[in-house]
Amino acid sequence: MRKLALAAAAALALAACGKSSSSQDKLAYEACLDSAKKDPKIGKAAFADQENSKIAGSTGEEEIRVNIPYELDGKKQLFQCIAQKQSDGSFKVVF
């Protein structure tokens, strides 16, 4: 019973590591969306909103992975990026 409780606690702790706050999610999503729209190959695509994108902490709160689904020329694809938190609280795309 004790091992099961420890395993459950560890699983919850690991799950919490991958999540970031909603305000930071929004800033990271916006930075990545802006980057995607500036891309000459996919800039005119129809991009998913934040709620339909996958956003997860990459290394704590400093980097956030953002996957934004989009559709272009009838094909559905995924724009992937990593946004890094800057000292002023904003996010900058680093990948």
N, C-alpha and C. Protein backbone atom coordinates (compact mmCIF):
# COMPACT_ATOMS: atom_id res chain seq x y z
N MET A 1 0.82 -1.19 0.00
CA MET A 1 0.00 0.00 0.00
C MET A 1 0.87 1.26 0.00
N ARG A 2 1.93 1.22 0.80
CA ARG A 2 2.82 2.37 0.89
C ARG A 2 3.52 2.62 -0.44
N LYS A 3 3.94 1.53 -1.12
CA LYS A 3 4.60 1.67 -2.42
C LYS A 3 3.66 2.26 -3.46
N LEU A 4 2.41 1.86 -3.39
CA LEU A 4 1.42 2.39 -4.32
C LEU A 4 1.22 3.89 -4.10
N ALA A 5 1.16 4.31 -2.86
CA ALA A 5 1.01 5.73 -2.53
C ALA A 5 2.22 6.53 -3.00
N LEU A 6 3.41 5.99 -2.82
CA LEU A 6 4.63 6.66 -3.29
C LEU A 6 4.65 6.76 -4.80
N ALA A 7 4.24 5.71 -5.48
CA ALA A 7 4.21 5.72 -6.94
C ALA A 7 3.21 6.75 -7.45
N ALA A 8 2.06 6.84 -6.81
CA ALA A 8 1.05 7.82 -7.20
C ALA A 8 1.57 9.24 -6.98
N ALA A 9 2.22 9.49 -5.86
CA ALA A 9 2.76 10.81 -5.56
C ALA A 9 3.85 11.19 -6.58
N ALA A 10 4.69 10.24 -6.93
CA ALA A 10 5.74 10.50 -7.91
C ALA A 10 5.14 10.81 -9.28
N ALA A 11 4.11 10.08 -9.66
CA ALA A 11 3.47 10.32 -10.95
C ALA A 11 2.84 11.71 -11.00
N LEU A 12 2.21 12.13 -9.92
CA LEU A 12 1.62 13.46 -9.87
C LEU A 12 2.69 14.54 -9.93
N ALA A 13 3.79 14.32 -9.25
CA ALA A 13 4.89 15.30 -9.27
C ALA A 13 5.47 15.43 -10.67
N LEU A 14 5.65 14.33 -11.35
CA LEU A 14 6.17 14.37 -12.72
C LEU A 14 5.19 15.04 -13.67
N ALA A 15 3.92 14.78 -13.50
CA ALA A 15 2.91 15.41 -14.35
C ALA A 15 2.90 16.92 -14.16
N ALA A 16 3.09 17.37 -12.95
CA ALA A 16 3.10 18.81 -12.67
C ALA A 16 4.30 19.49 -13.31
N CYS A 17 5.39 18.78 -13.49
CA CYS A 17 6.59 19.37 -14.08
C CYS A 17 6.36 19.80 -15.52
N GLY A 18 5.51 19.11 -16.23
CA GLY A 18 5.29 19.41 -17.64
C GLY A 18 4.30 20.51 -17.90
N LYS A 19 3.70 21.06 -16.88
CA LYS A 19 2.68 22.08 -17.06
C LYS A 19 3.24 23.45 -16.74
N SER A 20 2.72 24.45 -17.43
CA SER A 20 3.12 25.82 -17.16
C SER A 20 1.87 26.64 -16.87
N SER A 21 2.04 27.83 -16.34
CA SER A 21 0.89 28.64 -15.98
C SER A 21 0.18 29.14 -17.24
N SER A 22 -1.11 29.40 -17.12
CA SER A 22 -1.90 29.79 -18.28
C SER A 22 -1.46 31.13 -18.86
N SER A 23 -1.03 32.08 -18.04
CA SER A 23 -0.57 33.36 -18.59
C SER A 23 0.72 33.18 -19.38
N GLN A 24 1.60 32.31 -18.89
CA GLN A 24 2.83 32.03 -19.63
C GLN A 24 2.52 31.22 -20.89
N ASP A 25 1.56 30.31 -20.80
CA ASP A 25 1.13 29.55 -21.98
C ASP A 25 0.69 30.52 -23.07
N LYS A 26 -0.10 31.51 -22.68
CA LYS A 26 -0.62 32.48 -23.65
C LYS A 26 0.51 33.26 -24.31
N LEU A 27 1.46 33.73 -23.51
CA LEU A 27 2.59 34.48 -24.06
C LEU A 27 3.44 33.62 -24.99
N ALA A 28 3.68 32.38 -24.61
CA ALA A 28 4.47 31.47 -25.44
C ALA A 28 3.73 31.15 -26.73
N TYR A 29 2.41 30.89 -26.63
CA TYR A 29 1.60 30.62 -27.82
C TYR A 29 1.65 31.81 -28.78
N GLU A 30 1.47 33.02 -28.25
CA GLU A 30 1.47 34.21 -29.10
C GLU A 30 2.82 34.42 -29.78
N ALA A 31 3.93 34.16 -29.07
CA ALA A 31 5.26 34.30 -29.67
C ALA A 31 5.43 33.29 -30.80
N CYS A 32 4.98 32.06 -30.57
CA CYS A 32 5.11 31.03 -31.61
C CYS A 32 4.19 31.29 -32.79
N LEU A 33 2.97 31.75 -32.52
CA LEU A 33 2.03 32.06 -33.59
C LEU A 33 2.57 33.20 -34.45
N ASP A 34 3.14 34.21 -33.81
CA ASP A 34 3.74 35.33 -34.53
C ASP A 34 4.87 34.84 -35.42
N SER A 35 5.69 33.94 -34.89
CA SER A 35 6.79 33.37 -35.67
C SER A 35 6.26 32.57 -36.86
N ALA A 36 5.21 31.79 -36.63
CA ALA A 36 4.63 30.98 -37.71
C ALA A 36 4.07 31.87 -38.82
N LYS A 37 3.41 32.95 -38.43
CA LYS A 37 2.81 33.84 -39.42
C LYS A 37 3.86 34.59 -40.23
N LYS A 38 5.07 34.73 -39.69
CA LYS A 38 6.15 35.39 -40.41
C LYS A 38 6.90 34.44 -41.34
N ASP A 39 6.66 33.15 -41.20
CA ASP A 39 7.32 32.14 -42.02
C ASP A 39 6.79 32.24 -43.45
N PRO A 40 7.67 32.47 -44.43
CA PRO A 40 7.19 32.64 -45.81
C PRO A 40 6.49 31.41 -46.40
N LYS A 41 6.78 30.23 -45.89
CA LYS A 41 6.17 29.01 -46.43
C LYS A 41 4.78 28.75 -45.87
N ILE A 42 4.55 29.10 -44.60
CA ILE A 42 3.27 28.75 -43.97
C ILE A 42 2.53 29.95 -43.40
N GLY A 43 3.02 31.13 -43.60
CA GLY A 43 2.46 32.32 -42.98
C GLY A 43 0.99 32.57 -43.27
N LYS A 44 0.49 32.10 -44.40
CA LYS A 44 -0.91 32.34 -44.78
C LYS A 44 -1.83 31.20 -44.35
N ALA A 45 -1.33 30.24 -43.60
CA ALA A 45 -2.12 29.08 -43.18
C ALA A 45 -3.19 29.50 -42.16
N ALA A 46 -4.15 28.61 -41.96
CA ALA A 46 -5.16 28.79 -40.91
C ALA A 46 -4.64 28.07 -39.66
N PHE A 47 -4.28 28.83 -38.65
CA PHE A 47 -3.69 28.28 -37.43
C PHE A 47 -4.75 28.05 -36.36
N ALA A 48 -4.56 27.00 -35.58
CA ALA A 48 -5.46 26.69 -34.46
C ALA A 48 -5.29 27.73 -33.36
N ASP A 49 -6.34 27.93 -32.58
CA ASP A 49 -6.25 28.83 -31.44
C ASP A 49 -5.50 28.15 -30.30
N GLN A 50 -5.26 28.90 -29.25
CA GLN A 50 -4.47 28.38 -28.12
C GLN A 50 -5.11 27.14 -27.51
N GLU A 51 -6.42 27.12 -27.39
CA GLU A 51 -7.10 26.00 -26.76
C GLU A 51 -6.93 24.70 -27.55
N ASN A 52 -6.72 24.81 -28.84
CA ASN A 52 -6.57 23.62 -29.69
C ASN A 52 -5.11 23.32 -30.02
N SER A 53 -4.21 23.98 -29.34
CA SER A 53 -2.78 23.75 -29.50
C SER A 53 -2.27 23.02 -28.26
N LYS A 54 -1.15 22.34 -28.42
CA LYS A 54 -0.55 21.63 -27.28
C LYS A 54 0.60 22.48 -26.75
N ILE A 55 0.52 22.80 -25.46
CA ILE A 55 1.51 23.66 -24.83
C ILE A 55 2.00 22.96 -23.57
N ALA A 56 3.33 22.80 -23.47
CA ALA A 56 3.89 22.08 -22.32
C ALA A 56 5.24 22.68 -21.95
N GLY A 57 5.51 22.72 -20.65
CA GLY A 57 6.80 23.19 -20.17
C GLY A 57 7.91 22.28 -20.67
N SER A 58 9.00 22.86 -21.10
CA SER A 58 10.12 22.09 -21.62
C SER A 58 11.19 21.91 -20.55
N THR A 59 11.64 23.00 -19.99
CA THR A 59 12.62 22.94 -18.90
C THR A 59 12.16 23.92 -17.83
N GLY A 60 11.23 23.48 -17.01
CA GLY A 60 10.69 24.36 -15.98
C GLY A 60 9.84 25.43 -16.62
N GLU A 61 9.96 26.64 -16.14
CA GLU A 61 9.19 27.75 -16.67
C GLU A 61 10.01 28.58 -17.66
N GLU A 62 11.24 28.21 -17.90
CA GLU A 62 12.09 29.00 -18.79
C GLU A 62 11.80 28.76 -20.26
N GLU A 63 11.46 27.54 -20.62
CA GLU A 63 11.16 27.21 -22.01
C GLU A 63 9.84 26.46 -22.07
N ILE A 64 9.03 26.82 -23.07
CA ILE A 64 7.74 26.17 -23.24
C ILE A 64 7.66 25.67 -24.68
N ARG A 65 7.30 24.38 -24.81
CA ARG A 65 7.09 23.79 -26.13
C ARG A 65 5.67 24.08 -26.58
N VAL A 66 5.52 24.53 -27.82
CA VAL A 66 4.20 24.85 -28.36
C VAL A 66 4.05 24.15 -29.71
N ASN A 67 2.97 23.39 -29.84
CA ASN A 67 2.62 22.72 -31.09
C ASN A 67 1.30 23.30 -31.56
N ILE A 68 1.33 24.00 -32.69
CA ILE A 68 0.13 24.65 -33.22
C ILE A 68 -0.29 23.93 -34.51
N PRO A 69 -1.44 23.28 -34.50
CA PRO A 69 -1.94 22.67 -35.75
C PRO A 69 -2.32 23.78 -36.74
N TYR A 70 -2.12 23.50 -38.02
CA TYR A 70 -2.54 24.46 -39.04
C TYR A 70 -2.96 23.71 -40.30
N GLU A 71 -3.70 24.42 -41.14
CA GLU A 71 -4.12 23.85 -42.41
C GLU A 71 -3.71 24.80 -43.52
N LEU A 72 -3.09 24.23 -44.55
CA LEU A 72 -2.63 25.01 -45.69
C LEU A 72 -2.82 24.18 -46.94
N ASP A 73 -3.48 24.73 -47.92
CA ASP A 73 -3.74 24.04 -49.19
C ASP A 73 -4.42 22.69 -48.97
N GLY A 74 -5.34 22.65 -48.01
CA GLY A 74 -6.09 21.43 -47.74
C GLY A 74 -5.35 20.38 -46.95
N LYS A 75 -4.13 20.66 -46.54
CA LYS A 75 -3.34 19.71 -45.76
C LYS A 75 -3.20 20.19 -44.32
N LYS A 76 -3.42 19.27 -43.39
CA LYS A 76 -3.26 19.58 -41.98
C LYS A 76 -1.85 19.22 -41.55
N GLN A 77 -1.20 20.18 -40.87
CA GLN A 77 0.17 19.96 -40.41
C GLN A 77 0.33 20.55 -39.02
N LEU A 78 1.56 20.54 -38.52
CA LEU A 78 1.83 20.99 -37.17
C LEU A 78 3.05 21.91 -37.17
N PHE A 79 2.89 23.09 -36.61
CA PHE A 79 4.01 24.01 -36.42
C PHE A 79 4.52 23.79 -35.00
N GLN A 80 5.79 23.47 -34.87
CA GLN A 80 6.39 23.20 -33.57
C GLN A 80 7.41 24.27 -33.25
N CYS A 81 7.39 24.72 -32.00
CA CYS A 81 8.38 25.73 -31.61
C CYS A 81 8.65 25.64 -30.12
N ILE A 82 9.76 26.24 -29.72
CA ILE A 82 10.10 26.38 -28.31
C ILE A 82 10.26 27.87 -28.06
N ALA A 83 9.51 28.37 -27.08
CA ALA A 83 9.60 29.78 -26.69
C ALA A 83 10.31 29.86 -25.35
N GLN A 84 11.29 30.74 -25.27
CA GLN A 84 12.09 30.89 -24.06
C GLN A 84 11.71 32.19 -23.35
N LYS A 85 11.50 32.10 -22.03
CA LYS A 85 11.14 33.27 -21.24
C LYS A 85 12.32 34.23 -21.14
N GLN A 86 12.05 35.50 -21.38
CA GLN A 86 13.06 36.53 -21.31
C GLN A 86 13.01 37.22 -19.94
N SER A 87 14.03 38.00 -19.63
CA SER A 87 14.11 38.64 -18.32
C SER A 87 12.97 39.62 -18.06
N ASP A 88 12.37 40.15 -19.12
CA ASP A 88 11.24 41.08 -18.96
C ASP A 88 9.89 40.39 -18.87
N GLY A 89 9.90 39.03 -18.90
CA GLY A 89 8.66 38.26 -18.80
C GLY A 89 8.05 37.87 -20.13
N SER A 90 8.56 38.44 -21.21
CA SER A 90 8.07 38.09 -22.54
C SER A 90 8.71 36.77 -22.98
N PHE A 91 8.29 36.25 -24.13
CA PHE A 91 8.85 35.01 -24.65
C PHE A 91 9.43 35.26 -26.04
N LYS A 92 10.53 34.57 -26.32
CA LYS A 92 11.22 34.66 -27.60
C LYS A 92 11.35 33.25 -28.16
N VAL A 93 11.05 33.11 -29.44
CA VAL A 93 11.15 31.79 -30.08
C VAL A 93 12.62 31.46 -30.28
N VAL A 94 13.02 30.28 -29.79
CA VAL A 94 14.40 29.84 -29.93
C VAL A 94 14.52 28.60 -30.82
N PHE A 95 13.38 28.00 -31.18
CA PHE A 95 13.37 26.88 -32.10
C PHE A 95 12.03 26.81 -32.77
